[in-house]
Amino acid sequence: MGTYIIRRVVAMILMLVALSVIVFLLFQALPADPASLTCGKSCSPQVIEQNRIRLGYDKPLYVQYGQFVKGIVAGRTYGSGTQTFECKAPSLGYSFNRGECVTTLIKNRLPVTAVESIGALVLWLISGVSIGVLAALKRGRWPDRVAMGGALIGYSFPTFFIGLVLQYFVFFKFRIMDYASYTPFSDDPVAYVKAFILPWITLALVYAAFYSRLTRNQMLETLGEDYIRTARAKGLSERLVIGKHGLRSGLTPIVTAAGLDLATLLGGVVITEQIFALPGLGSLALNSVTQSDLPLIMGTVLLAATFIIVANLIVDLLYAVIDPRVRLV
């Protein structure tokens, strides 16, 4: 087990290095000139060239990449002379559009996206897995048909449609609750939680539809195994057979999907955050694109990809815990 963990961690580090190289080269290949983006439209060619030299964009790519990696490990100073900007490690760049370090911008937005993503994850796992188990146990009967029909409908609608429909009925049609814009937790904890209720439900409805179908298929496959029949023949209660033996054995693909989906959401829930005006990574990434803020775009892309790579490692390590039949070698 220890050897496997070490190998996987080393492989993850190598993947992160390769990822940083690929992302760095892709953004260097863009036609936009990062030096010209550091000043207004009235910049003269002479000023742009001075910015290019001052920021190190005139140096070879391997030197620029070395400086980029150094910034992640030990921090970096941007600019020169009186116009210098210090970004502590891990530094993902400096946003001249916003006049702030990219890491600071991400750090300020990440808690919002984390609360949104984790809350939705809990909702869709509880509802999706429960509906999937129920549908598997009632296979071919009306609860199965209703559950799978509802899952198909939920999976067919895009996130922005569900979000807008929920806003209309909850805020305007039936006035179930008053509209709650995002408020920092320190200012008003109740308003803070209320701002996340509809985003949680929106994401949970979309993802629970997929997880209910996935859980049903896994349960139907697992319940036909010999060890399930043996457990029932021994006189174990149906709850124990389903919960301990059936569901646990079928959780492997569910955990895989959940880990990757959570990592994707942590990278930025663009549509949902725009609909509900949440100041998270998704809205930050979208604004960076519209403003051609290349350092910020690069930082958010690198962070989102890192979440997925780390999630893969965590999911692999959870396999042996969930399913004793899995052996890590």
Protein backbone atom coordinates (compact mmCIF):
# COMPACT_ATOMS: atom_id res chain seq x y z
CA MET A 1 0.00 0.00 0.00
CA GLY A 2 2.78 2.42 0.94
CA THR A 3 4.69 1.70 -2.26
CA TYR A 4 1.56 2.27 -4.33
CA ILE A 5 0.88 5.62 -2.63
CA ILE A 6 4.45 6.76 -3.24
CA ARG A 7 4.24 5.76 -6.93
CA ARG A 8 0.93 7.53 -7.37
CA VAL A 9 2.17 10.70 -5.66
CA VAL A 10 5.30 10.75 -7.84
CA ALA A 11 3.15 10.19 -10.94
CA MET A 12 0.86 13.02 -9.84
CA ILE A 13 3.80 15.39 -9.41
CA LEU A 14 5.11 14.50 -12.87
CA MET A 15 1.65 15.10 -14.33
CA LEU A 16 1.45 18.48 -12.61
CA VAL A 17 4.84 19.45 -14.06
CA ALA A 18 3.76 18.33 -17.53
CA LEU A 19 0.48 20.20 -17.06
CA SER A 20 2.29 23.43 -16.13
CA VAL A 21 4.50 23.14 -19.23
CA ILE A 22 1.54 22.52 -21.55
CA VAL A 23 -0.57 25.35 -20.08
CA PHE A 24 2.40 27.73 -20.17
CA LEU A 25 3.20 26.93 -23.81
CA LEU A 26 -0.44 27.16 -24.88
CA PHE A 27 -0.81 30.65 -23.46
CA GLN A 28 2.51 31.69 -24.95
CA ALA A 29 1.20 30.57 -28.34
CA LEU A 30 -1.84 32.86 -28.15
CA PRO A 31 -1.80 35.76 -30.64
CA ALA A 32 -2.43 38.30 -27.86
CA ASP A 33 0.62 40.24 -26.71
CA PRO A 34 0.75 40.16 -22.87
CA ALA A 35 2.94 43.26 -22.80
CA SER A 36 0.32 45.32 -24.64
CA LEU A 37 -2.36 44.16 -22.18
CA THR A 38 -0.56 45.79 -19.27
CA CYS A 39 -1.49 49.31 -20.36
CA GLY A 40 -4.36 51.09 -22.08
CA LYS A 41 -5.26 51.21 -25.75
CA SER A 42 -3.32 54.44 -26.20
CA CYS A 43 0.02 52.74 -25.43
CA SER A 44 2.73 53.57 -27.91
CA PRO A 45 4.96 50.83 -29.39
CA GLN A 46 7.84 52.19 -27.34
CA VAL A 47 5.92 51.80 -24.06
CA ILE A 48 4.82 48.29 -25.03
CA GLU A 49 8.39 47.31 -25.76
CA GLN A 50 9.53 48.75 -22.44
CA ASN A 51 6.81 46.73 -20.68
CA ARG A 52 7.95 43.59 -22.51
CA ILE A 53 11.50 44.04 -21.27
CA ARG A 54 10.45 45.09 -17.77
CA LEU A 55 8.22 42.03 -17.35
CA GLY A 56 10.67 39.58 -18.89
CA TYR A 57 8.60 38.72 -21.98
CA ASP A 58 11.63 39.40 -24.17
CA LYS A 59 13.52 36.46 -22.67
CA PRO A 60 13.56 32.91 -24.13
CA LEU A 61 10.61 30.67 -23.28
CA TYR A 62 12.63 28.35 -21.06
CA VAL A 63 13.77 31.33 -18.98
CA GLN A 64 10.19 32.58 -18.68
CA TYR A 65 9.00 29.12 -17.66
CA GLY A 66 11.78 28.89 -15.08
CA GLN A 67 10.65 32.18 -13.59
CA PHE A 68 7.05 30.96 -13.60
CA VAL A 69 7.99 27.77 -11.70
CA LYS A 70 10.16 29.76 -9.31
CA GLY A 71 7.17 31.97 -8.57
CA ILE A 72 5.08 28.92 -7.65
CA VAL A 73 7.77 27.56 -5.34
CA ALA A 74 9.34 30.69 -3.84
CA GLY A 75 7.27 33.68 -4.92
CA ARG A 76 8.13 36.30 -7.51
CA THR A 77 8.62 40.02 -8.00
CA TYR A 78 6.97 41.50 -11.09
CA GLY A 79 8.11 44.68 -12.79
CA SER A 80 11.20 46.70 -11.99
CA GLY A 81 12.28 50.01 -10.50
CA THR A 82 9.59 51.91 -8.70
CA GLN A 83 6.83 49.78 -10.24
CA THR A 84 7.45 46.43 -8.58
CA PHE A 85 4.81 44.00 -7.33
CA GLU A 86 5.63 41.24 -4.85
CA CYS A 87 3.60 38.01 -5.01
CA LYS A 88 4.26 35.40 -2.34
CA ALA A 89 4.47 31.67 -3.11
CA PRO A 90 2.63 30.01 -4.65
CA SER A 91 2.53 32.77 -7.25
CA LEU A 92 0.50 32.05 -10.39
CA GLY A 93 1.16 35.46 -11.91
CA TYR A 94 0.18 39.08 -11.53
CA SER A 95 -3.02 40.59 -12.95
CA PHE A 96 -2.19 44.05 -14.25
CA ASN A 97 -5.85 44.58 -15.14
CA ARG A 98 -6.87 44.20 -11.50
CA GLY A 99 -3.58 45.28 -9.91
CA GLU A 100 -3.38 42.18 -7.72
CA CYS A 101 -1.63 38.82 -7.54
CA VAL A 102 -3.51 35.99 -9.27
CA THR A 103 -3.14 33.75 -6.21
CA THR A 104 -4.77 36.40 -4.02
CA LEU A 105 -7.69 36.77 -6.42
CA ILE A 106 -8.20 33.00 -6.52
CA LYS A 107 -7.87 32.68 -2.73
CA ASN A 108 -10.60 35.27 -2.23
CA ARG A 109 -13.00 33.53 -4.62
CA LEU A 110 -12.27 29.85 -3.85
CA PRO A 111 -14.25 29.63 -0.55
CA VAL A 112 -17.47 30.64 -2.35
CA THR A 113 -17.01 27.97 -5.03
CA ALA A 114 -16.00 25.39 -2.41
CA VAL A 115 -19.16 25.96 -0.34
CA GLU A 116 -21.30 25.87 -3.47
CA SER A 117 -19.69 22.67 -4.80
CA ILE A 118 -19.50 20.68 -1.57
CA GLY A 119 -23.06 21.56 -0.57
CA ALA A 120 -24.35 20.45 -3.96
CA LEU A 121 -22.24 17.27 -3.75
CA VAL A 122 -23.84 16.27 -0.44
CA LEU A 123 -27.33 16.88 -1.81
CA TRP A 124 -26.89 15.03 -5.08
CA LEU A 125 -25.15 12.04 -3.48
CA ILE A 126 -27.84 11.59 -0.82
CA SER A 127 -30.74 12.03 -3.23
CA GLY A 128 -29.19 10.36 -6.28
CA VAL A 129 -27.91 7.26 -4.50
CA SER A 130 -31.14 6.86 -2.51
CA ILE A 131 -33.31 7.10 -5.61
CA GLY A 132 -31.02 4.71 -7.49
CA VAL A 133 -31.17 2.08 -4.73
CA LEU A 134 -34.95 2.39 -4.52
CA ALA A 135 -35.29 2.03 -8.30
CA ALA A 136 -33.07 -1.08 -8.30
CA LEU A 137 -35.06 -2.73 -5.51
CA LYS A 138 -38.36 -1.93 -7.28
CA ARG A 139 -37.09 -2.86 -10.73
CA GLY A 140 -39.83 -2.89 -13.36
CA ARG A 141 -42.47 -1.45 -11.03
CA TRP A 142 -43.89 2.04 -10.90
CA PRO A 143 -41.32 3.51 -8.43
CA ASP A 144 -38.57 2.42 -10.82
CA ARG A 145 -40.31 3.93 -13.84
CA VAL A 146 -41.12 7.20 -12.06
CA ALA A 147 -37.58 7.55 -10.68
CA MET A 148 -35.86 6.84 -14.00
CA GLY A 149 -38.32 9.01 -15.92
CA GLY A 150 -37.68 11.90 -13.55
CA ALA A 151 -33.93 11.30 -13.79
CA LEU A 152 -34.07 11.40 -17.57
CA ILE A 153 -35.97 14.69 -17.48
CA GLY A 154 -33.59 16.22 -14.95
CA TYR A 155 -30.55 15.11 -16.91
CA SER A 156 -31.97 16.57 -20.14
CA PHE A 157 -32.34 20.15 -18.95
CA PRO A 158 -29.25 22.41 -18.82
CA THR A 159 -28.15 24.06 -15.60
CA PHE A 160 -29.07 27.60 -16.64
CA PHE A 161 -32.65 26.56 -17.45
CA ILE A 162 -33.18 24.84 -14.10
CA GLY A 163 -31.62 27.79 -12.27
CA LEU A 164 -33.82 30.35 -13.99
CA VAL A 165 -36.96 28.26 -13.46
CA LEU A 166 -36.18 27.89 -9.76
CA GLN A 167 -35.60 31.63 -9.44
CA TYR A 168 -38.92 32.40 -11.10
CA PHE A 169 -41.04 30.06 -8.97
CA VAL A 170 -39.21 30.54 -5.66
CA PHE A 171 -38.68 34.31 -5.79
CA PHE A 172 -41.49 35.66 -7.97
CA LYS A 173 -44.32 33.17 -8.55
CA PHE A 174 -44.86 31.63 -5.11
CA ARG A 175 -42.52 33.88 -3.08
CA ILE A 176 -41.30 30.94 -1.01
CA MET A 177 -38.33 33.02 0.08
CA ASP A 178 -37.07 36.50 -0.52
CA TYR A 179 -34.28 37.06 -2.98
CA ALA A 180 -30.97 36.82 -1.15
CA SER A 181 -27.89 38.22 -2.83
CA TYR A 182 -24.48 37.01 -1.75
CA THR A 183 -23.47 38.36 1.66
CA PRO A 184 -20.21 37.50 3.45
CA PHE A 185 -20.66 35.04 6.31
CA SER A 186 -19.13 37.48 8.79
CA ASP A 187 -21.76 40.11 7.91
CA ASP A 188 -24.89 37.92 8.01
CA PRO A 189 -24.63 34.10 8.36
CA VAL A 190 -28.32 33.56 7.57
CA ALA A 191 -28.19 35.59 4.35
CA TYR A 192 -24.95 33.83 3.45
CA VAL A 193 -26.60 30.39 3.64
CA LYS A 194 -29.77 31.59 1.86
CA ALA A 195 -27.69 32.75 -1.11
CA PHE A 196 -26.48 29.16 -1.62
CA ILE A 197 -29.78 27.29 -1.30
CA LEU A 198 -30.92 27.61 -4.91
CA PRO A 199 -27.44 27.05 -6.39
CA TRP A 200 -27.17 23.85 -4.31
CA ILE A 201 -30.57 22.65 -5.50
CA THR A 202 -29.84 23.57 -9.12
CA LEU A 203 -26.62 21.60 -9.26
CA ALA A 204 -28.06 18.74 -7.21
CA LEU A 205 -31.01 18.30 -9.59
CA VAL A 206 -28.72 17.99 -12.60
CA TYR A 207 -26.16 15.68 -11.02
CA ALA A 208 -28.61 13.59 -8.96
CA ALA A 209 -30.31 12.54 -12.19
CA PHE A 210 -27.05 11.02 -13.43
CA TYR A 211 -26.15 9.42 -10.09
CA SER A 212 -29.56 7.82 -9.66
CA ARG A 213 -29.20 6.06 -13.03
CA LEU A 214 -25.61 5.08 -12.28
CA THR A 215 -26.51 3.73 -8.83
CA ARG A 216 -29.45 1.75 -10.21
CA ASN A 217 -27.29 0.07 -12.86
CA GLN A 218 -24.57 -0.76 -10.34
CA MET A 219 -27.04 -2.14 -7.82
CA LEU A 220 -28.76 -4.33 -10.40
CA GLU A 221 -25.39 -5.76 -11.39
CA THR A 222 -24.26 -6.26 -7.80
CA LEU A 223 -27.50 -7.81 -6.54
CA GLY A 224 -27.08 -10.61 -9.07
CA GLU A 225 -23.70 -11.68 -7.67
CA ASP A 226 -23.21 -15.01 -5.87
CA TYR A 227 -22.08 -13.45 -2.60
CA ILE A 228 -25.36 -11.53 -2.37
CA ARG A 229 -27.33 -14.76 -2.70
CA THR A 230 -25.05 -16.35 -0.11
CA ALA A 231 -25.61 -13.47 2.31
CA ARG A 232 -29.36 -13.85 1.96
CA ALA A 233 -29.12 -17.62 2.37
CA LYS A 234 -27.30 -17.06 5.68
CA GLY A 235 -30.35 -15.20 6.95
CA LEU A 236 -28.90 -11.68 6.98
CA SER A 237 -31.44 -8.89 7.07
CA GLU A 238 -32.27 -7.20 3.77
CA ARG A 239 -30.98 -3.88 5.09
CA LEU A 240 -27.60 -5.45 5.87
CA VAL A 241 -27.46 -7.22 2.53
CA ILE A 242 -28.26 -4.05 0.60
CA GLY A 243 -26.22 -1.59 2.67
CA LYS A 244 -23.11 -3.51 3.64
CA HIS A 245 -22.72 -5.93 0.76
CA GLY A 246 -24.66 -4.59 -2.22
CA LEU A 247 -24.22 -0.82 -2.08
CA ARG A 248 -20.65 -0.89 -0.80
CA SER A 249 -19.52 -3.10 -3.67
CA GLY A 250 -21.23 -0.88 -6.22
CA LEU A 251 -19.81 2.38 -4.88
CA THR A 252 -16.54 2.28 -6.83
CA PRO A 253 -17.79 3.96 -10.05
CA ILE A 254 -19.96 6.31 -7.99
CA VAL A 255 -16.97 7.52 -5.98
CA THR A 256 -14.96 7.90 -9.18
CA ALA A 257 -17.61 10.06 -10.78
CA ALA A 258 -18.19 12.05 -7.58
CA GLY A 259 -14.51 12.85 -7.16
CA LEU A 260 -14.09 14.05 -10.72
CA ASP A 261 -17.36 16.00 -10.69
CA LEU A 262 -16.42 17.76 -7.45
CA ALA A 263 -12.99 18.62 -8.85
CA THR A 264 -14.63 20.03 -11.98
CA LEU A 265 -17.00 22.18 -9.92
CA LEU A 266 -14.16 23.44 -7.71
CA GLY A 267 -12.42 24.58 -10.88
CA GLY A 268 -15.28 27.00 -11.45
CA VAL A 269 -19.07 26.71 -11.72
CA VAL A 270 -19.38 29.34 -14.42
CA ILE A 271 -23.06 29.16 -15.41
CA THR A 272 -24.53 28.69 -11.94
CA GLU A 273 -22.44 31.48 -10.44
CA GLN A 274 -23.49 33.85 -13.20
CA ILE A 275 -27.19 33.06 -12.73
CA PHE A 276 -27.13 33.54 -8.97
CA ALA A 277 -24.46 36.28 -8.91
CA LEU A 278 -22.04 34.39 -6.71
CA PRO A 279 -18.49 35.81 -6.58
CA GLY A 280 -16.70 32.48 -7.08
CA LEU A 281 -14.01 31.09 -9.35
CA GLY A 282 -16.45 30.61 -12.22
CA SER A 283 -17.38 34.28 -12.43
CA LEU A 284 -13.71 35.21 -11.94
CA ALA A 285 -12.67 32.98 -14.84
CA LEU A 286 -15.42 34.36 -17.09
CA ASN A 287 -14.49 37.96 -16.32
CA SER A 288 -10.82 37.22 -16.98
CA VAL A 289 -11.72 35.94 -20.45
CA THR A 290 -13.88 38.95 -21.31
CA GLN A 291 -11.11 41.29 -20.09
CA SER A 292 -8.31 39.33 -21.84
CA ASP A 293 -6.52 38.98 -18.51
CA LEU A 294 -4.02 36.31 -19.62
CA PRO A 295 -2.24 35.74 -16.26
CA LEU A 296 -5.58 35.27 -14.51
CA ILE A 297 -6.89 32.93 -17.23
CA MET A 298 -3.73 30.88 -17.00
CA GLY A 299 -3.95 30.68 -13.22
CA THR A 300 -7.58 29.53 -13.16
CA VAL A 301 -7.00 26.95 -15.91
CA LEU A 302 -3.97 25.55 -14.08
CA LEU A 303 -5.89 25.39 -10.80
CA ALA A 304 -8.89 23.63 -12.36
CA ALA A 305 -6.67 21.00 -13.99
CA THR A 306 -4.79 20.51 -10.72
CA PHE A 307 -8.04 19.78 -8.90
CA ILE A 308 -8.84 17.01 -11.38
CA ILE A 309 -5.38 15.41 -11.11
CA VAL A 310 -5.48 15.46 -7.29
CA ALA A 311 -9.04 14.10 -7.31
CA ASN A 312 -7.89 11.15 -9.42
CA LEU A 313 -5.26 10.29 -6.79
CA ILE A 314 -7.73 10.52 -3.91
CA VAL A 315 -10.29 8.37 -5.72
CA ASP A 316 -7.71 5.69 -6.47
CA LEU A 317 -6.72 5.53 -2.80
CA LEU A 318 -10.36 5.27 -1.71
CA TYR A 319 -10.96 2.19 -3.85
CA ALA A 320 -9.37 -0.20 -1.35
CA VAL A 321 -11.32 1.34 1.52
CA ILE A 322 -14.68 1.04 -0.23
CA ASP A 323 -14.27 -2.35 -1.88
CA PRO A 324 -12.11 -4.96 -0.11
CA ARG A 325 -11.81 -6.88 -3.38
CA VAL A 326 -9.64 -4.10 -4.79
CA ARG A 327 -5.94 -4.57 -4.14
CA LEU A 328 -3.48 -1.74 -4.71
CA VAL A 329 -0.23 -3.05 -6.15
